[in-house]
Amino acid sequence: MSMTRRAVISDVHANIEALRAVLKEIREKKITDILFLGDAVGYGPDQDECVEVLNSECKVFLAGNHDR
């Protein structure tokens, strides 16, 4: 019986460096499903890149109060 491992992340706020670090750790732990619970954008300079990465990596992508 195989177990599905999930990671839940949120509040990236367009910080691509932090997002990359978290995704690296998720991959190292062999987690297959990533759920994103909002606030991909908001403060940081890398809004478009963060949204693209999250869209490609996450099984679930929910919008937060900072997301358009």
PDB file of N, CA and C in Angstrom:
ATOM      1  N   MET A   1       0.841  -1.178   0.000  1.00  0.00           N
ATOM      2  CA  MET A   1       0.000   0.000   0.000  1.00  0.00           C
ATOM      3  C   MET A   1       0.889   1.246   0.000  1.00  0.00           C
ATOM      4  N   SER A   2       0.702   2.100  -0.981  1.00  0.00           N
ATOM      5  CA  SER A   2       1.509   3.317  -1.041  1.00  0.00           C
ATOM      6  C   SER A   2       0.728   4.494  -0.473  1.00  0.00           C
ATOM      7  N   MET A   3       1.447   5.356   0.197  1.00  0.00           N
ATOM      8  CA  MET A   3       0.828   6.543   0.783  1.00  0.00           C
ATOM      9  C   MET A   3       1.109   7.745  -0.100  1.00  0.00           C
ATOM     10  N   THR A   4       0.105   8.587  -0.250  1.00  0.00           N
ATOM     11  CA  THR A   4       0.299   9.848  -0.947  1.00  0.00           C
ATOM     12  C   THR A   4       0.796  10.867   0.062  1.00  0.00           C
ATOM     13  N   ARG A   5       1.868  11.519  -0.283  1.00  0.00           N
ATOM     14  CA  ARG A   5       2.411  12.560   0.595  1.00  0.00           C
ATOM     15  C   ARG A   5       2.049  13.904   0.003  1.00  0.00           C
ATOM     16  N   ARG A   6       1.532  14.777   0.836  1.00  0.00           N
ATOM     17  CA  ARG A   6       1.093  16.094   0.376  1.00  0.00           C
ATOM     18  C   ARG A   6       1.809  17.194   1.155  1.00  0.00           C
ATOM     19  N   ALA A   7       2.041  18.290   0.449  1.00  0.00           N
ATOM     20  CA  ALA A   7       2.564  19.502   1.080  1.00  0.00           C
ATOM     21  C   ALA A   7       1.539  20.602   0.868  1.00  0.00           C
ATOM     22  N   VAL A   8       1.362  21.412   1.877  1.00  0.00           N
ATOM     23  CA  VAL A   8       0.458  22.560   1.802  1.00  0.00           C
ATOM     24  C   VAL A   8       1.307  23.811   1.989  1.00  0.00           C
ATOM     25  N   ILE A   9       1.229  24.714   1.005  1.00  0.00           N
ATOM     26  CA  ILE A   9       1.964  25.970   1.107  1.00  0.00           C
ATOM     27  C   ILE A   9       1.022  27.135   0.822  1.00  0.00           C
ATOM     28  N   SER A  10       1.411  28.305   1.295  1.00  0.00           N
ATOM     29  CA  SER A  10       0.621  29.518   1.051  1.00  0.00           C
ATOM     30  C   SER A  10       1.502  30.735   1.296  1.00  0.00           C
ATOM     31  N   ASP A  11       0.959  31.892   0.989  1.00  0.00           N
ATOM     32  CA  ASP A  11       1.582  33.179   1.319  1.00  0.00           C
ATOM     33  C   ASP A  11       2.994  33.345   0.758  1.00  0.00           C
ATOM     34  N   VAL A  12       3.164  33.013  -0.502  1.00  0.00           N
ATOM     35  CA  VAL A  12       4.452  33.199  -1.173  1.00  0.00           C
ATOM     36  C   VAL A  12       4.726  34.690  -1.388  1.00  0.00           C
ATOM     37  N   HIS A  13       3.699  35.449  -1.666  1.00  0.00           N
ATOM     38  CA  HIS A  13       3.782  36.900  -1.869  1.00  0.00           C
ATOM     39  C   HIS A  13       4.895  37.305  -2.838  1.00  0.00           C
ATOM     40  N   ALA A  14       4.990  36.548  -3.953  1.00  0.00           N
ATOM     41  CA  ALA A  14       5.904  36.862  -5.061  1.00  0.00           C
ATOM     42  C   ALA A  14       7.382  36.796  -4.684  1.00  0.00           C
ATOM     43  N   ASN A  15       7.720  35.965  -3.712  1.00  0.00           N
ATOM     44  CA  ASN A  15       9.113  35.772  -3.310  1.00  0.00           C
ATOM     45  C   ASN A  15       9.616  34.483  -3.958  1.00  0.00           C
ATOM     46  N   ILE A  16      10.172  34.594  -5.161  1.00  0.00           N
ATOM     47  CA  ILE A  16      10.575  33.412  -5.928  1.00  0.00           C
ATOM     48  C   ILE A  16      11.699  32.646  -5.246  1.00  0.00           C
ATOM     49  N   GLU A  17      12.599  33.330  -4.571  1.00  0.00           N
ATOM     50  CA  GLU A  17      13.699  32.640  -3.883  1.00  0.00           C
ATOM     51  C   GLU A  17      13.158  31.730  -2.789  1.00  0.00           C
ATOM     52  N   ALA A  18      12.235  32.226  -2.004  1.00  0.00           N
ATOM     53  CA  ALA A  18      11.633  31.410  -0.945  1.00  0.00           C
ATOM     54  C   ALA A  18      10.837  30.256  -1.538  1.00  0.00           C
ATOM     55  N   LEU A  19      10.096  30.533  -2.608  1.00  0.00           N
ATOM     56  CA  LEU A  19       9.309  29.483  -3.253  1.00  0.00           C
ATOM     57  C   LEU A  19      10.218  28.376  -3.772  1.00  0.00           C
ATOM     58  N   ARG A  20      11.300  28.739  -4.424  1.00  0.00           N
ATOM     59  CA  ARG A  20      12.235  27.725  -4.932  1.00  0.00           C
ATOM     60  C   ARG A  20      12.824  26.888  -3.800  1.00  0.00           C
ATOM     61  N   ALA A  21      13.145  27.517  -2.693  1.00  0.00           N
ATOM     62  CA  ALA A  21      13.702  26.790  -1.547  1.00  0.00           C
ATOM     63  C   ALA A  21      12.691  25.791  -0.993  1.00  0.00           C
ATOM     64  N   VAL A  22      11.451  26.209  -0.883  1.00  0.00           N
ATOM     65  CA  VAL A  22      10.403  25.320  -0.370  1.00  0.00           C
ATOM     66  C   VAL A  22      10.168  24.159  -1.335  1.00  0.00           C
ATOM     67  N   LEU A  23      10.100  24.449  -2.627  1.00  0.00           N
ATOM     68  CA  LEU A  23       9.880  23.388  -3.615  1.00  0.00           C
ATOM     69  C   LEU A  23      11.041  22.397  -3.638  1.00  0.00           C
ATOM     70  N   LYS A  24      12.254  22.878  -3.437  1.00  0.00           N
ATOM     71  CA  LYS A  24      13.419  21.986  -3.371  1.00  0.00           C
ATOM     72  C   LYS A  24      13.277  21.021  -2.198  1.00  0.00           C
ATOM     73  N   GLU A  25      12.894  21.539  -1.060  1.00  0.00           N
ATOM     74  CA  GLU A  25      12.714  20.687   0.121  1.00  0.00           C
ATOM     75  C   GLU A  25      11.580  19.683  -0.088  1.00  0.00           C
ATOM     76  N   ILE A  26      10.506  20.128  -0.722  1.00  0.00           N
ATOM     77  CA  ILE A  26       9.378  19.238  -1.015  1.00  0.00           C
ATOM     78  C   ILE A  26       9.844  18.089  -1.912  1.00  0.00           C
ATOM     79  N   ARG A  27      10.618  18.388  -2.945  1.00  0.00           N
ATOM     80  CA  ARG A  27      11.129  17.342  -3.848  1.00  0.00           C
ATOM     81  C   ARG A  27      12.056  16.383  -3.111  1.00  0.00           C
ATOM     82  N   GLU A  28      12.917  16.924  -2.255  1.00  0.00           N
ATOM     83  CA  GLU A  28      13.848  16.081  -1.493  1.00  0.00           C
ATOM     84  C   GLU A  28      13.104  15.107  -0.590  1.00  0.00           C
ATOM     85  N   LYS A  29      11.956  15.502  -0.107  1.00  0.00           N
ATOM     86  CA  LYS A  29      11.146  14.638   0.764  1.00  0.00           C
ATOM     87  C   LYS A  29      10.234  13.711  -0.032  1.00  0.00           C
ATOM     88  N   LYS A  30      10.355  13.768  -1.364  1.00  0.00           N
ATOM     89  CA  LYS A  30       9.582  12.920  -2.273  1.00  0.00           C
ATOM     90  C   LYS A  30       8.071  13.088  -2.097  1.00  0.00           C
ATOM     91  N   ILE A  31       7.673  14.316  -1.865  1.00  0.00           N
ATOM     92  CA  ILE A  31       6.252  14.654  -1.771  1.00  0.00           C
ATOM     93  C   ILE A  31       5.739  14.863  -3.186  1.00  0.00           C
ATOM     94  N   THR A  32       4.607  14.243  -3.489  1.00  0.00           N
ATOM     95  CA  THR A  32       4.106  14.272  -4.865  1.00  0.00           C
ATOM     96  C   THR A  32       2.990  15.278  -5.097  1.00  0.00           C
ATOM     97  N   ASP A  33       2.200  15.562  -4.111  1.00  0.00           N
ATOM     98  CA  ASP A  33       1.065  16.473  -4.278  1.00  0.00           C
ATOM     99  C   ASP A  33       1.305  17.760  -3.499  1.00  0.00           C
ATOM    100  N   ILE A  34       1.210  18.889  -4.198  1.00  0.00           N
ATOM    101  CA  ILE A  34       1.381  20.192  -3.557  1.00  0.00           C
ATOM    102  C   ILE A  34       0.071  20.951  -3.670  1.00  0.00           C
ATOM    103  N   LEU A  35      -0.405  21.436  -2.541  1.00  0.00           N
ATOM    104  CA  LEU A  35      -1.629  22.223  -2.480  1.00  0.00           C
ATOM    105  C   LEU A  35      -1.253  23.651  -2.102  1.00  0.00           C
ATOM    106  N   PHE A  36      -1.694  24.609  -2.900  1.00  0.00           N
ATOM    107  CA  PHE A  36      -1.389  26.010  -2.623  1.00  0.00           C
ATOM    108  C   PHE A  36      -2.662  26.712  -2.175  1.00  0.00           C
ATOM    109  N   LEU A  37      -2.601  27.361  -1.013  1.00  0.00           N
ATOM    110  CA  LEU A  37      -3.797  27.927  -0.394  1.00  0.00           C
ATOM    111  C   LEU A  37      -3.882  29.444  -0.453  1.00  0.00           C
ATOM    112  N   GLY A  38      -3.203  30.059  -1.391  1.00  0.00           N
ATOM    113  CA  GLY A  38      -3.440  31.472  -1.635  1.00  0.00           C
ATOM    114  C   GLY A  38      -2.309  32.419  -1.321  1.00  0.00           C
ATOM    115  N   ASP A  39      -2.435  33.612  -1.877  1.00  0.00           N
ATOM    116  CA  ASP A  39      -1.490  34.716  -1.753  1.00  0.00           C
ATOM    117  C   ASP A  39      -0.163  34.431  -2.453  1.00  0.00           C
ATOM    118  N   ALA A  40      -0.272  34.140  -3.742  1.00  0.00           N
ATOM    119  CA  ALA A  40       0.914  33.959  -4.583  1.00  0.00           C
ATOM    120  C   ALA A  40       1.608  35.291  -4.818  1.00  0.00           C
ATOM    121  N   VAL A  41       0.845  36.362  -4.875  1.00  0.00           N
ATOM    122  CA  VAL A  41       1.384  37.697  -5.159  1.00  0.00           C
ATOM    123  C   VAL A  41       1.094  38.625  -3.988  1.00  0.00           C
ATOM    124  N   GLY A  42       1.585  39.857  -4.113  1.00  0.00           N
ATOM    125  CA  GLY A  42       1.257  40.819  -3.073  1.00  0.00           C
ATOM    126  C   GLY A  42       2.357  41.801  -2.760  1.00  0.00           C
ATOM    127  N   TYR A  43       3.561  41.320  -2.447  1.00  0.00           N
ATOM    128  CA  TYR A  43       4.604  42.234  -1.991  1.00  0.00           C
ATOM    129  C   TYR A  43       5.881  42.161  -2.822  1.00  0.00           C
ATOM    130  N   GLY A  44       6.303  40.983  -3.195  1.00  0.00           N
ATOM    131  CA  GLY A  44       7.590  40.790  -3.855  1.00  0.00           C
ATOM    132  C   GLY A  44       7.589  41.157  -5.329  1.00  0.00           C
ATOM    133  N   PRO A  45       8.781  41.153  -5.932  1.00  0.00           N
ATOM    134  CA  PRO A  45       8.938  41.609  -7.320  1.00  0.00           C
ATOM    135  C   PRO A  45       8.679  40.539  -8.381  1.00  0.00           C
ATOM    136  N   ASP A  46       8.533  39.285  -7.997  1.00  0.00           N
ATOM    137  CA  ASP A  46       8.492  38.186  -8.967  1.00  0.00           C
ATOM    138  C   ASP A  46       7.096  37.591  -9.117  1.00  0.00           C
ATOM    139  N   GLN A  47       6.096  38.448  -9.288  1.00  0.00           N
ATOM    140  CA  GLN A  47       4.712  37.986  -9.292  1.00  0.00           C
ATOM    141  C   GLN A  47       4.411  37.012 -10.421  1.00  0.00           C
ATOM    142  N   ASP A  48       4.734  37.375 -11.662  1.00  0.00           N
ATOM    143  CA  ASP A  48       4.420  36.505 -12.803  1.00  0.00           C
ATOM    144  C   ASP A  48       5.136  35.166 -12.700  1.00  0.00           C
ATOM    145  N   GLU A  49       6.404  35.203 -12.337  1.00  0.00           N
ATOM    146  CA  GLU A  49       7.185  33.966 -12.239  1.00  0.00           C
ATOM    147  C   GLU A  49       6.637  33.049 -11.151  1.00  0.00           C
ATOM    148  N   CYS A  50       6.275  33.604 -10.012  1.00  0.00           N
ATOM    149  CA  CYS A  50       5.720  32.791  -8.932  1.00  0.00           C
ATOM    150  C   CYS A  50       4.411  32.132  -9.354  1.00  0.00           C
ATOM    151  N   VAL A  51       3.553  32.878 -10.012  1.00  0.00           N
ATOM    152  CA  VAL A  51       2.274  32.318 -10.464  1.00  0.00           C
ATOM    153  C   VAL A  51       2.519  31.189 -11.462  1.00  0.00           C
ATOM    154  N   GLU A  52       3.445  31.378 -12.395  1.00  0.00           N
ATOM    155  CA  GLU A  52       3.761  30.331 -13.373  1.00  0.00           C
ATOM    156  C   GLU A  52       4.264  29.063 -12.693  1.00  0.00           C
ATOM    157  N   VAL A  53       5.196  29.220 -11.764  1.00  0.00           N
ATOM    158  CA  VAL A  53       5.762  28.065 -11.066  1.00  0.00           C
ATOM    159  C   VAL A  53       4.679  27.354 -10.258  1.00  0.00           C
ATOM    160  N   LEU A  54       3.896  28.107  -9.526  1.00  0.00           N
ATOM    161  CA  LEU A  54       2.838  27.494  -8.722  1.00  0.00           C
ATOM    162  C   LEU A  54       1.813  26.779  -9.592  1.00  0.00           C
ATOM    163  N   ASN A  55       1.440  27.377 -10.705  1.00  0.00           N
ATOM    164  CA  ASN A  55       0.488  26.732 -11.618  1.00  0.00           C
ATOM    165  C   ASN A  55       1.028  25.412 -12.150  1.00  0.00           C
ATOM    166  N   SER A  56       2.320  25.349 -12.409  1.00  0.00           N
ATOM    167  CA  SER A  56       2.886  24.123 -12.967  1.00  0.00           C
ATOM    168  C   SER A  56       3.165  23.059 -11.904  1.00  0.00           C
ATOM    169  N   GLU A  57       3.407  23.466 -10.674  1.00  0.00           N
ATOM    170  CA  GLU A  57       3.808  22.525  -9.625  1.00  0.00           C
ATOM    171  C   GLU A  57       2.664  22.042  -8.728  1.00  0.00           C
ATOM    172  N   CYS A  58       1.621  22.830  -8.615  1.00  0.00           N
ATOM    173  CA  CYS A  58       0.590  22.546  -7.610  1.00  0.00           C
ATOM    174  C   CYS A  58      -0.623  21.840  -8.194  1.00  0.00           C
ATOM    175  N   LYS A  59      -1.067  20.842  -7.464  1.00  0.00           N
ATOM    176  CA  LYS A  59      -2.272  20.111  -7.852  1.00  0.00           C
ATOM    177  C   LYS A  59      -3.511  20.967  -7.591  1.00  0.00           C
ATOM    178  N   VAL A  60      -3.477  21.755  -6.534  1.00  0.00           N
ATOM    179  CA  VAL A  60      -4.568  22.671  -6.174  1.00  0.00           C
ATOM    180  C   VAL A  60      -3.974  24.060  -6.030  1.00  0.00           C
ATOM    181  N   PHE A  61      -4.629  25.054  -6.625  1.00  0.00           N
ATOM    182  CA  PHE A  61      -4.174  26.446  -6.540  1.00  0.00           C
ATOM    183  C   PHE A  61      -5.391  27.297  -6.205  1.00  0.00           C
ATOM    184  N   LEU A  62      -5.482  27.725  -4.968  1.00  0.00           N
ATOM    185  CA  LEU A  62      -6.580  28.588  -4.539  1.00  0.00           C
ATOM    186  C   LEU A  62      -6.102  30.031  -4.478  1.00  0.00           C
ATOM    187  N   ALA A  63      -6.980  30.948  -4.807  1.00  0.00           N
ATOM    188  CA  ALA A  63      -6.653  32.373  -4.739  1.00  0.00           C
ATOM    189  C   ALA A  63      -6.837  32.882  -3.316  1.00  0.00           C
ATOM    190  N   GLY A  64      -5.922  33.745  -2.903  1.00  0.00           N
ATOM    191  CA  GLY A  64      -6.032  34.391  -1.607  1.00  0.00           C
ATOM    192  C   GLY A  64      -6.468  35.834  -1.765  1.00  0.00           C
ATOM    193  N   ASN A  65      -6.505  36.562  -0.669  1.00  0.00           N
ATOM    194  CA  ASN A  65      -6.978  37.946  -0.718  1.00  0.00           C
ATOM    195  C   ASN A  65      -6.028  38.876  -1.478  1.00  0.00           C
ATOM    196  N   HIS A  66      -4.765  38.484  -1.669  1.00  0.00           N
ATOM    197  CA  HIS A  66      -3.819  39.307  -2.434  1.00  0.00           C
ATOM    198  C   HIS A  66      -3.800  38.955  -3.917  1.00  0.00           C
ATOM    199  N   ASP A  67      -4.372  37.840  -4.278  1.00  0.00           N
ATOM    200  CA  ASP A  67      -4.339  37.384  -5.670  1.00  0.00           C
ATOM    201  C   ASP A  67      -5.427  38.060  -6.486  1.00  0.00           C
ATOM    202  N   ARG A  68      -5.097  38.370  -7.734  1.00  0.00           N
ATOM    203  CA  ARG A  68      -6.059  39.037  -8.619  1.00  0.00           C
ATOM    204  C   ARG A  68      -6.963  38.048  -9.288  1.00  0.00           C
TER     205      ARG A  68
END
